[in-house]
PDB file of N, CA and C in Angstrom:
ATOM      1  N   MET A   1     141.092 166.694  84.281  1.00  0.00           N
ATOM      2  CA  MET A   1     140.343 167.554  83.373  1.00  0.00           C
ATOM      3  C   MET A   1     139.167 167.255  84.180  1.00  0.00           C
ATOM      4  N   ASN A   2     138.344 168.016  84.616  1.00  0.00           N
ATOM      5  CA  ASN A   2     136.804 167.677  85.028  1.00  0.00           C
ATOM      6  C   ASN A   2     135.797 167.673  84.159  1.00  0.00           C
ATOM      7  N   PHE A   3     134.953 166.985  83.488  1.00  0.00           N
ATOM      8  CA  PHE A   3     133.919 167.256  82.759  1.00  0.00           C
ATOM      9  C   PHE A   3     132.408 167.239  83.762  1.00  0.00           C
ATOM     10  N   PRO A   4     131.346 167.695  82.807  1.00  0.00           N
ATOM     11  CA  PRO A   4     131.845 168.342  81.465  1.00  0.00           C
ATOM     12  C   PRO A   4     132.053 169.614  81.498  1.00  0.00           C
ATOM     13  N   ILE A   5     132.717 169.827  80.333  1.00  0.00           N
ATOM     14  CA  ILE A   5     132.855 171.223  79.988  1.00  0.00           C
ATOM     15  C   ILE A   5     132.434 171.854  78.463  1.00  0.00           C
ATOM     16  N   ILE A   6     132.671 173.127  78.591  1.00  0.00           N
ATOM     17  CA  ILE A   6     131.638 173.770  77.323  1.00  0.00           C
ATOM     18  C   ILE A   6     132.653 174.423  76.749  1.00  0.00           C
ATOM     19  N   ILE A   7     132.653 174.087  75.698  1.00  0.00           N
ATOM     20  CA  ILE A   7     133.628 174.990  74.532  1.00  0.00           C
ATOM     21  C   ILE A   7     132.818 175.251  73.739  1.00  0.00           C
ATOM     22  N   ARG A   8     133.545 176.284  72.423  1.00  0.00           N
ATOM     23  CA  ARG A   8     133.274 176.854  71.211  1.00  0.00           C
ATOM     24  C   ARG A   8     134.039 175.875  70.544  1.00  0.00           C
ATOM     25  N   LEU A   9     133.318 175.128  69.025  1.00  0.00           N
ATOM     26  CA  LEU A   9     133.865 174.572  68.267  1.00  0.00           C
ATOM     27  C   LEU A   9     135.108 175.649  67.486  1.00  0.00           C
ATOM     28  N   ALA A  10     136.327 174.544  67.636  1.00  0.00           N
ATOM     29  CA  ALA A  10     136.916 175.735  66.303  1.00  0.00           C
ATOM     30  C   ALA A  10     136.634 174.841  64.842  1.00  0.00           C
ATOM     31  N   GLY A  11     137.605 175.576  63.441  1.00  0.00           N
ATOM     32  CA  GLY A  11     137.321 174.684  62.516  1.00  0.00           C
ATOM     33  C   GLY A  11     135.811 175.196  61.851  1.00  0.00           C
ATOM     34  N   VAL A  12     135.065 176.046  62.378  1.00  0.00           N
ATOM     35  CA  VAL A  12     133.535 175.902  61.973  1.00  0.00           C
ATOM     36  C   VAL A  12     133.600 176.553  60.288  1.00  0.00           C
ATOM     37  N   SER A  13     134.485 177.046  59.575  1.00  0.00           N
ATOM     38  CA  SER A  13     134.415 177.633  58.298  1.00  0.00           C
ATOM     39  C   SER A  13     134.625 176.364  57.448  1.00  0.00           C
ATOM     40  N   TYR A  14     135.573 175.255  57.706  1.00  0.00           N
ATOM     41  CA  TYR A  14     136.154 174.074  57.373  1.00  0.00           C
ATOM     42  C   TYR A  14     135.247 173.542  56.419  1.00  0.00           C
ATOM     43  N   GLY A  15     135.310 173.161  55.083  1.00  0.00           N
ATOM     44  CA  GLY A  15     134.323 172.477  54.625  1.00  0.00           C
ATOM     45  C   GLY A  15     132.946 172.565  54.510  1.00  0.00           C
ATOM     46  N   ASN A  16     131.714 171.707  54.801  1.00  0.00           N
ATOM     47  CA  ASN A  16     130.301 171.497  54.943  1.00  0.00           C
ATOM     48  C   ASN A  16     130.028 172.034  56.139  1.00  0.00           C
ATOM     49  N   CYS A  17     130.730 173.055  57.215  1.00  0.00           N
ATOM     50  CA  CYS A  17     130.358 173.261  58.688  1.00  0.00           C
ATOM     51  C   CYS A  17     129.619 174.304  58.764  1.00  0.00           C
ATOM     52  N   GLN A  18     129.662 175.014  57.957  1.00  0.00           N
ATOM     53  CA  GLN A  18     128.394 175.942  58.056  1.00  0.00           C
ATOM     54  C   GLN A  18     127.248 175.657  57.849  1.00  0.00           C
ATOM     55  N   ALA A  19     126.860 175.064  56.756  1.00  0.00           N
ATOM     56  CA  ALA A  19     125.871 174.479  56.085  1.00  0.00           C
ATOM     57  C   ALA A  19     125.355 173.385  57.228  1.00  0.00           C
ATOM     58  N   ASN A  20     126.168 172.504  57.714  1.00  0.00           N
ATOM     59  CA  ASN A  20     126.080 171.490  58.394  1.00  0.00           C
ATOM     60  C   ASN A  20     125.438 171.852  60.425  1.00  0.00           C
ATOM     61  N   ILE A  21     125.814 173.265  60.729  1.00  0.00           N
ATOM     62  CA  ILE A  21     125.989 173.683  62.016  1.00  0.00           C
ATOM     63  C   ILE A  21     124.536 174.476  61.841  1.00  0.00           C
ATOM     64  N   LYS A  22     124.175 175.184  60.568  1.00  0.00           N
ATOM     65  CA  LYS A  22     122.774 176.107  60.510  1.00  0.00           C
ATOM     66  C   LYS A  22     121.988 174.785  60.132  1.00  0.00           C
ATOM     67  N   GLN A  23     122.322 173.601  59.657  1.00  0.00           N
ATOM     68  CA  GLN A  23     120.925 172.645  59.837  1.00  0.00           C
ATOM     69  C   GLN A  23     120.840 171.428  60.871  1.00  0.00           C
ATOM     70  N   PHE A  24     121.493 171.198  61.385  1.00  0.00           N
ATOM     71  CA  PHE A  24     122.077 170.227  62.471  1.00  0.00           C
ATOM     72  C   PHE A  24     121.899 170.901  63.743  1.00  0.00           C
ATOM     73  N   GLY A  25     122.753 172.040  63.702  1.00  0.00           N
ATOM     74  CA  GLY A  25     122.925 172.677  65.618  1.00  0.00           C
ATOM     75  C   GLY A  25     121.686 173.351  65.931  1.00  0.00           C
ATOM     76  N   CYS A  26     120.938 172.334  66.876  1.00  0.00           N
ATOM     77  CA  CYS A  26     119.800 172.224  67.638  1.00  0.00           C
ATOM     78  C   CYS A  26     119.614 171.470  68.641  1.00  0.00           C
ATOM     79  N   LYS A  27     118.830 172.038  69.695  1.00  0.00           N
ATOM     80  CA  LYS A  27     118.852 170.853  70.771  1.00  0.00           C
ATOM     81  C   LYS A  27     118.465 169.688  70.758  1.00  0.00           C
ATOM     82  N   ASP A  28     117.493 169.682  69.423  1.00  0.00           N
ATOM     83  CA  ASP A  28     116.740 168.028  69.405  1.00  0.00           C
ATOM     84  C   ASP A  28     117.950 166.912  68.710  1.00  0.00           C
ATOM     85  N   THR A  29     119.120 167.689  68.331  1.00  0.00           N
ATOM     86  CA  THR A  29     119.746 166.870  67.701  1.00  0.00           C
ATOM     87  C   THR A  29     120.624 165.861  68.282  1.00  0.00           C
ATOM     88  N   GLY A  30     120.953 166.615  70.134  1.00  0.00           N
ATOM     89  CA  GLY A  30     121.466 165.578  71.254  1.00  0.00           C
ATOM     90  C   GLY A  30     122.775 165.603  70.900  1.00  0.00           C
ATOM     91  N   TYR A  31     123.338 164.315  70.889  1.00  0.00           N
ATOM     92  CA  TYR A  31     124.817 164.339  70.864  1.00  0.00           C
ATOM     93  C   TYR A  31     125.913 164.435  69.949  1.00  0.00           C
ATOM     94  N   TYR A  32     126.671 165.119  69.615  1.00  0.00           N
ATOM     95  CA  TYR A  32     127.781 164.850  68.170  1.00  0.00           C
ATOM     96  C   TYR A  32     128.554 163.770  68.796  1.00  0.00           C
ATOM     97  N   ALA A  33     129.368 163.284  67.722  1.00  0.00           N
ATOM     98  CA  ALA A  33     130.345 161.981  67.775  1.00  0.00           C
ATOM     99  C   ALA A  33     131.869 163.129  68.227  1.00  0.00           C
ATOM    100  N   LEU A  34     132.737 162.250  69.010  1.00  0.00           N
ATOM    101  CA  LEU A  34     133.697 162.915  68.875  1.00  0.00           C
ATOM    102  C   LEU A  34     134.732 161.961  68.087  1.00  0.00           C
ATOM    103  N   MET A  35     135.276 162.578  67.006  1.00  0.00           N
ATOM    104  CA  MET A  35     136.178 161.161  66.432  1.00  0.00           C
ATOM    105  C   MET A  35     137.775 161.713  65.710  1.00  0.00           C
ATOM    106  N   ARG A  36     138.530 161.017  66.683  1.00  0.00           N
ATOM    107  CA  ARG A  36     139.648 161.197  66.359  1.00  0.00           C
ATOM    108  C   ARG A  36     140.582 161.192  64.994  1.00  0.00           C
ATOM    109  N   GLU A  37     141.578 162.152  64.811  1.00  0.00           N
ATOM    110  CA  GLU A  37     142.028 162.374  63.407  1.00  0.00           C
ATOM    111  C   GLU A  37     143.453 162.205  63.461  1.00  0.00           C
ATOM    112  N   SER A  38     143.872 161.654  64.376  1.00  0.00           N
ATOM    113  CA  SER A  38     145.485 160.824  64.909  1.00  0.00           C
ATOM    114  C   SER A  38     146.509 161.164  63.821  1.00  0.00           C
ATOM    115  N   ASP A  39     145.994 161.138  62.036  1.00  0.00           N
ATOM    116  CA  ASP A  39     146.861 161.170  60.993  1.00  0.00           C
ATOM    117  C   ASP A  39     146.928 162.795  60.596  1.00  0.00           C
ATOM    118  N   ASN A  40     146.245 163.489  61.242  1.00  0.00           N
ATOM    119  CA  ASN A  40     145.909 165.317  60.664  1.00  0.00           C
ATOM    120  C   ASN A  40     147.246 165.244  60.734  1.00  0.00           C
ATOM    121  N   THR A  41     147.707 166.391  59.597  1.00  0.00           N
ATOM    122  CA  THR A  41     149.156 166.832  59.537  1.00  0.00           C
ATOM    123  C   THR A  41     149.177 167.603  59.991  1.00  0.00           C
ATOM    124  N   HIS A  42     148.294 168.696  60.275  1.00  0.00           N
ATOM    125  CA  HIS A  42     148.487 169.995  61.376  1.00  0.00           C
ATOM    126  C   HIS A  42     148.223 169.764  62.587  1.00  0.00           C
ATOM    127  N   ASP A  43     147.665 168.813  63.120  1.00  0.00           N
ATOM    128  CA  ASP A  43     147.970 168.465  64.465  1.00  0.00           C
ATOM    129  C   ASP A  43     147.713 166.771  64.875  1.00  0.00           C
ATOM    130  N   PRO A  44     148.313 166.050  65.151  1.00  0.00           N
ATOM    131  CA  PRO A  44     148.501 164.803  65.789  1.00  0.00           C
ATOM    132  C   PRO A  44     147.053 164.742  66.611  1.00  0.00           C
ATOM    133  N   ASN A  45     146.963 165.578  67.643  1.00  0.00           N
ATOM    134  CA  ASN A  45     145.811 164.898  68.759  1.00  0.00           C
ATOM    135  C   ASN A  45     144.511 165.661  68.219  1.00  0.00           C
ATOM    136  N   CYS A  46     144.106 165.857  67.089  1.00  0.00           N
ATOM    137  CA  CYS A  46     142.635 166.576  66.461  1.00  0.00           C
ATOM    138  C   CYS A  46     141.691 165.590  66.676  1.00  0.00           C
ATOM    139  N   ILE A  47     140.535 166.231  66.763  1.00  0.00           N
ATOM    140  CA  ILE A  47     139.847 165.562  67.670  1.00  0.00           C
ATOM    141  C   ILE A  47     138.169 166.370  66.383  1.00  0.00           C
ATOM    142  N   ALA A  48     137.234 165.303  65.269  1.00  0.00           N
ATOM    143  CA  ALA A  48     136.719 166.376  64.761  1.00  0.00           C
ATOM    144  C   ALA A  48     135.282 166.010  65.930  1.00  0.00           C
ATOM    145  N   VAL A  49     134.354 166.861  65.272  1.00  0.00           N
ATOM    146  CA  VAL A  49     132.902 166.550  66.309  1.00  0.00           C
ATOM    147  C   VAL A  49     131.904 166.709  64.693  1.00  0.00           C
ATOM    148  N   SER A  50     131.225 165.609  64.691  1.00  0.00           N
ATOM    149  CA  SER A  50     130.285 165.137  63.623  1.00  0.00           C
ATOM    150  C   SER A  50     128.958 164.483  64.274  1.00  0.00           C
ATOM    151  N   LEU A  51     128.295 164.412  63.338  1.00  0.00           N
ATOM    152  CA  LEU A  51     126.984 163.865  63.503  1.00  0.00           C
ATOM    153  C   LEU A  51     126.611 162.909  62.851  1.00  0.00           C
ATOM    154  N   GLY A  52     126.694 161.449  63.345  1.00  0.00           N
ATOM    155  CA  GLY A  52     126.696 160.249  62.553  1.00  0.00           C
ATOM    156  C   GLY A  52     127.474 159.878  62.207  1.00  0.00           C
ATOM    157  N   GLY A  53     128.440 160.819  62.342  1.00  0.00           N
ATOM    158  CA  GLY A  53     129.959 160.479  61.516  1.00  0.00           C
ATOM    159  C   GLY A  53     129.964 160.926  60.043  1.00  0.00           C
ATOM    160  N   VAL A  54     128.866 161.508  59.892  1.00  0.00           N
ATOM    161  CA  VAL A  54     128.727 162.038  58.052  1.00  0.00           C
ATOM    162  C   VAL A  54     128.812 163.629  58.265  1.00  0.00           C
ATOM    163  N   TRP A  55     128.308 164.046  58.770  1.00  0.00           N
ATOM    164  CA  TRP A  55     128.060 165.388  58.751  1.00  0.00           C
ATOM    165  C   TRP A  55     129.168 166.239  60.084  1.00  0.00           C
ATOM    166  N   HIS A  56     130.228 166.995  59.173  1.00  0.00           N
ATOM    167  CA  HIS A  56     131.535 167.524  59.851  1.00  0.00           C
ATOM    168  C   HIS A  56     130.991 168.784  60.338  1.00  0.00           C
ATOM    169  N   MET A  57     130.831 169.284  61.846  1.00  0.00           N
ATOM    170  CA  MET A  57     130.484 170.222  62.416  1.00  0.00           C
ATOM    171  C   MET A  57     131.801 171.139  63.080  1.00  0.00           C
ATOM    172  N   GLY A  58     132.611 170.486  63.011  1.00  0.00           N
ATOM    173  CA  GLY A  58     133.836 171.531  63.734  1.00  0.00           C
ATOM    174  C   GLY A  58     135.100 170.387  64.165  1.00  0.00           C
ATOM    175  N   TYR A  59     136.017 171.335  65.300  1.00  0.00           N
ATOM    176  CA  TYR A  59     136.537 170.523  65.642  1.00  0.00           C
ATOM    177  C   TYR A  59     137.208 170.656  67.307  1.00  0.00           C
ATOM    178  N   ILE A  60     137.619 170.052  67.966  1.00  0.00           N
ATOM    179  CA  ILE A  60     137.859 170.552  69.201  1.00  0.00           C
ATOM    180  C   ILE A  60     138.885 171.475  69.278  1.00  0.00           C
ATOM    181  N   PRO A  61     138.810 172.882  70.272  1.00  0.00           N
ATOM    182  CA  PRO A  61     140.238 173.211  69.910  1.00  0.00           C
ATOM    183  C   PRO A  61     141.492 173.075  70.516  1.00  0.00           C
ATOM    184  N   SER A  62     142.247 172.955  70.211  1.00  0.00           N
ATOM    185  CA  SER A  62     143.799 172.393  69.916  1.00  0.00           C
ATOM    186  C   SER A  62     144.408 172.651  71.511  1.00  0.00           C
ATOM    187  N   TRP A  63     143.661 173.458  72.253  1.00  0.00           N
ATOM    188  CA  TRP A  63     144.318 173.781  73.596  1.00  0.00           C
ATOM    189  C   TRP A  63     143.700 172.199  74.249  1.00  0.00           C
ATOM    190  N   MET A  64     142.390 172.123  73.789  1.00  0.00           N
ATOM    191  CA  MET A  64     141.660 170.899  74.349  1.00  0.00           C
ATOM    192  C   MET A  64     141.908 169.771  74.541  1.00  0.00           C
ATOM    193  N   ALA A  65     142.379 169.576  73.062  1.00  0.00           N
ATOM    194  CA  ALA A  65     142.313 168.597  72.289  1.00  0.00           C
ATOM    195  C   ALA A  65     143.830 167.545  72.896  1.00  0.00           C
ATOM    196  N   LYS A  66     144.541 168.843  72.901  1.00  0.00           N
ATOM    197  CA  LYS A  66     146.316 167.554  73.637  1.00  0.00           C
ATOM    198  C   LYS A  66     145.933 167.197  75.276  1.00  0.00           C
ATOM    199  N   ASP A  67     144.963 167.537  75.905  1.00  0.00           N
ATOM    200  CA  ASP A  67     144.410 166.806  76.951  1.00  0.00           C
ATOM    201  C   ASP A  67     143.714 165.677  76.761  1.00  0.00           C
ATOM    202  N   LEU A  68     142.803 165.705  76.044  1.00  0.00           N
ATOM    203  CA  LEU A  68     141.337 164.988  75.762  1.00  0.00           C
ATOM    204  C   LEU A  68     142.021 163.600  74.933  1.00  0.00           C
ATOM    205  N   ALA A  69     142.547 164.102  73.663  1.00  0.00           N
ATOM    206  CA  ALA A  69     143.193 163.470  72.658  1.00  0.00           C
ATOM    207  C   ALA A  69     144.012 161.711  73.589  1.00  0.00           C
ATOM    208  N   PRO A  70     144.225 162.247  74.559  1.00  0.00           N
ATOM    209  CA  PRO A  70     145.075 160.640  74.863  1.00  0.00           C
ATOM    210  C   PRO A  70     144.108 159.996  75.792  1.00  0.00           C
ATOM    211  N   LEU A  71     142.694 160.938  76.252  1.00  0.00           N
ATOM    212  CA  LEU A  71     142.064 159.886  77.071  1.00  0.00           C
ATOM    213  C   LEU A  71     140.865 158.926  76.051  1.00  0.00           C
ATOM    214  N   ILE A  72     141.281 159.571  74.712  1.00  0.00           N
ATOM    215  CA  ILE A  72     140.287 158.844  73.985  1.00  0.00           C
ATOM    216  C   ILE A  72     141.088 157.669  73.261  1.00  0.00           C
ATOM    217  N   ASP A  73     142.019 157.974  73.133  1.00  0.00           N
ATOM    218  CA  ASP A  73     143.134 156.780  72.890  1.00  0.00           C
ATOM    219  C   ASP A  73     143.053 155.957  73.730  1.00  0.00           C
ATOM    220  N   ALA A  74     142.737 156.120  74.727  1.00  0.00           N
ATOM    221  CA  ALA A  74     143.232 155.146  76.358  1.00  0.00           C
ATOM    222  C   ALA A  74     142.126 154.360  76.231  1.00  0.00           C
ATOM    223  N   GLY A  75     140.842 154.998  75.347  1.00  0.00           N
ATOM    224  CA  GLY A  75     139.908 154.212  75.205  1.00  0.00           C
ATOM    225  C   GLY A  75     138.477 154.648  75.980  1.00  0.00           C
ATOM    226  N   ARG A  76     138.526 155.915  76.442  1.00  0.00           N
ATOM    227  CA  ARG A  76     137.245 156.058  77.068  1.00  0.00           C
ATOM    228  C   ARG A  76     136.658 157.610  75.794  1.00  0.00           C
ATOM    229  N   VAL A  77     135.471 157.213  75.895  1.00  0.00           N
ATOM    230  CA  VAL A  77     134.386 157.503  74.991  1.00  0.00           C
ATOM    231  C   VAL A  77     133.638 158.644  75.922  1.00  0.00           C
ATOM    232  N   PHE A  78     133.745 159.722  74.590  1.00  0.00           N
ATOM    233  CA  PHE A  78     133.030 161.279  75.342  1.00  0.00           C
ATOM    234  C   PHE A  78     132.570 161.707  74.077  1.00  0.00           C
ATOM    235  N   ASN A  79     131.448 162.363  74.706  1.00  0.00           N
ATOM    236  CA  ASN A  79     130.093 163.226  73.156  1.00  0.00           C
ATOM    237  C   ASN A  79     130.457 164.793  73.936  1.00  0.00           C
ATOM    238  N   ALA A  80     130.079 164.957  72.237  1.00  0.00           N
ATOM    239  CA  ALA A  80     129.738 166.617  72.305  1.00  0.00           C
ATOM    240  C   ALA A  80     128.094 166.981  72.306  1.00  0.00           C
ATOM    241  N   GLU A  81     127.356 167.707  73.472  1.00  0.00           N
ATOM    242  CA  GLU A  81     125.946 167.486  73.201  1.00  0.00           C
ATOM    243  C   GLU A  81     125.870 169.290  73.166  1.00  0.00           C
ATOM    244  N   PHE A  82     124.789 169.247  72.330  1.00  0.00           N
ATOM    245  CA  PHE A  82     124.763 170.532  71.702  1.00  0.00           C
ATOM    246  C   PHE A  82     124.222 171.791  73.012  1.00  0.00           C
ATOM    247  N   VAL A  83     124.470 172.851  73.255  1.00  0.00           N
ATOM    248  CA  VAL A  83     124.799 174.364  73.875  1.00  0.00           C
ATOM    249  C   VAL A  83     123.950 174.799  73.277  1.00  0.00           C
ATOM    250  N   CYS A  84     124.233 175.287  72.285  1.00  0.00           N
ATOM    251  CA  CYS A  84     123.910 176.675  71.348  1.00  0.00           C
ATOM    252  C   CYS A  84     124.425 177.000  70.193  1.00  0.00           C
ATOM    253  N   VAL A  85     123.801 177.514  69.061  1.00  0.00           N
ATOM    254  CA  VAL A  85     124.407 177.920  68.046  1.00  0.00           C
ATOM    255  C   VAL A  85     125.026 179.221  68.094  1.00  0.00           C
ATOM    256  N   ASN A  86     126.207 179.771  68.030  1.00  0.00           N
ATOM    257  CA  ASN A  86     126.606 180.766  67.911  1.00  0.00           C
ATOM    258  C   ASN A  86     126.399 182.096  66.978  1.00  0.00           C
ATOM    259  N   GLU A  87     125.453 182.883  66.880  1.00  0.00           N
ATOM    260  CA  GLU A  87     125.381 183.638  65.525  1.00  0.00           C
ATOM    261  C   GLU A  87     126.136 184.946  65.763  1.00  0.00           C
ATOM    262  N   TYR A  88     126.368 185.609  64.727  1.00  0.00           N
ATOM    263  CA  TYR A  88     127.140 186.681  64.478  1.00  0.00           C
ATOM    264  C   TYR A  88     126.388 187.800  63.476  1.00  0.00           C
ATOM    265  N   PRO A  89     125.539 188.559  64.142  1.00  0.00           N
ATOM    266  CA  PRO A  89     124.945 189.433  63.060  1.00  0.00           C
ATOM    267  C   PRO A  89     125.545 190.188  62.659  1.00  0.00           C
ATOM    268  N   PRO A  90     125.665 191.116  61.590  1.00  0.00           N
ATOM    269  CA  PRO A  90     125.106 190.868  60.101  1.00  0.00           C
ATOM    270  C   PRO A  90     125.735 189.876  59.346  1.00  0.00           C
ATOM    271  N   TYR A  91     126.526 189.145  60.040  1.00  0.00           N
ATOM    272  CA  TYR A  91     127.554 188.187  59.024  1.00  0.00           C
ATOM    273  C   TYR A  91     126.506 186.802  59.425  1.00  0.00           C
ATOM    274  N   GLU A  92     126.666 186.167  58.210  1.00  0.00           N
ATOM    275  CA  GLU A  92     125.790 184.780  57.663  1.00  0.00           C
ATOM    276  C   GLU A  92     126.892 183.844  58.647  1.00  0.00           C
ATOM    277  N   ARG A  93     128.080 184.067  59.015  1.00  0.00           N
ATOM    278  CA  ARG A  93     128.694 182.713  59.346  1.00  0.00           C
ATOM    279  C   ARG A  93     128.581 182.263  61.027  1.00  0.00           C
ATOM    280  N   VAL A  94     128.620 181.046  61.165  1.00  0.00           N
ATOM    281  CA  VAL A  94     127.841 180.853  62.603  1.00  0.00           C
ATOM    282  C   VAL A  94     128.586 179.908  63.239  1.00  0.00           C
ATOM    283  N   GLY A  95     128.791 179.570  64.193  1.00  0.00           N
ATOM    284  CA  GLY A  95     129.683 178.770  65.621  1.00  0.00           C
ATOM    285  C   GLY A  95     128.757 177.554  65.704  1.00  0.00           C
ATOM    286  N   LEU A  96     129.717 177.018  66.865  1.00  0.00           N
ATOM    287  CA  LEU A  96     128.568 175.682  67.708  1.00  0.00           C
ATOM    288  C   LEU A  96     129.463 175.893  68.593  1.00  0.00           C
ATOM    289  N   THR A  97     128.401 175.958  70.248  1.00  0.00           N
ATOM    290  CA  THR A  97     128.613 175.721  71.388  1.00  0.00           C
ATOM    291  C   THR A  97     128.213 174.063  71.979  1.00  0.00           C
ATOM    292  N   VAL A  98     129.365 173.521  72.566  1.00  0.00           N
ATOM    293  CA  VAL A  98     129.257 172.484  72.943  1.00  0.00           C
ATOM    294  C   VAL A  98     129.504 171.996  74.485  1.00  0.00           C
ATOM    295  N   ARG A  99     128.904 170.746  75.010  1.00  0.00           N
ATOM    296  CA  ARG A  99     129.338 170.708  76.499  1.00  0.00           C
ATOM    297  C   ARG A  99     130.259 169.020  76.205  1.00  0.00           C
ATOM    298  N   ILE A 100     131.189 168.768  76.418  1.00  0.00           N
ATOM    299  CA  ILE A 100     131.911 167.757  76.377  1.00  0.00           C
ATOM    300  C   ILE A 100     131.539 166.907  77.471  1.00  0.00           C
ATOM    301  N   VAL A 101     130.896 165.894  77.383  1.00  0.00           N
ATOM    302  CA  VAL A 101     130.670 164.694  78.204  1.00  0.00           C
ATOM    303  C   VAL A 101     130.862 163.436  78.611  1.00  0.00           C
ATOM    304  N   GLU A 102     131.534 162.598  79.400  1.00  0.00           N
ATOM    305  CA  GLU A 102     131.866 161.359  79.363  1.00  0.00           C
ATOM    306  C   GLU A 102     130.679 160.611  79.135  1.00  0.00           C
ATOM    307  N   ALA A 103     130.826 159.450  78.120  1.00  0.00           N
ATOM    308  CA  ALA A 103     129.914 158.451  78.222  1.00  0.00           C
ATOM    309  C   ALA A 103     129.532 157.184  79.001  1.00  0.00           C
ATOM    310  N   THR A 104     128.655 156.928  79.906  1.00  0.00           N
ATOM    311  CA  THR A 104     128.617 156.148  80.582  1.00  0.00           C
ATOM    312  C   THR A 104     128.647 154.744  80.076  1.00  0.00           C
ATOM    313  N   PRO A 105     129.195 153.661  80.368  1.00  0.00           N
ATOM    314  CA  PRO A 105     129.464 152.376  79.893  1.00  0.00           C
ATOM    315  C   PRO A 105     128.304 152.067  80.145  1.00  0.00           C
TER     316      PRO A 105
END
């Protein structure tokens, strides 16, 4: 897997993600944290994307999480950098595109 990788987050309609993306989906935010949810019953490779560990933005898509989760579990650190908010006029729903980068030690 070669980094950086640009992806659209999955699960952006879950919980408060829509409100969080609308509020914190901007270039001034900088980086979002990748947080493993290995106890997630839907996907043991689950990786949530959040701001400050508080504001949930969405999830790494499962096709990527299956390869990225073992790297995180092995101690490597990755962040998600803001790329753009995906808007779908005339709908109110938004999405978030991020660039996955490995943090430098």
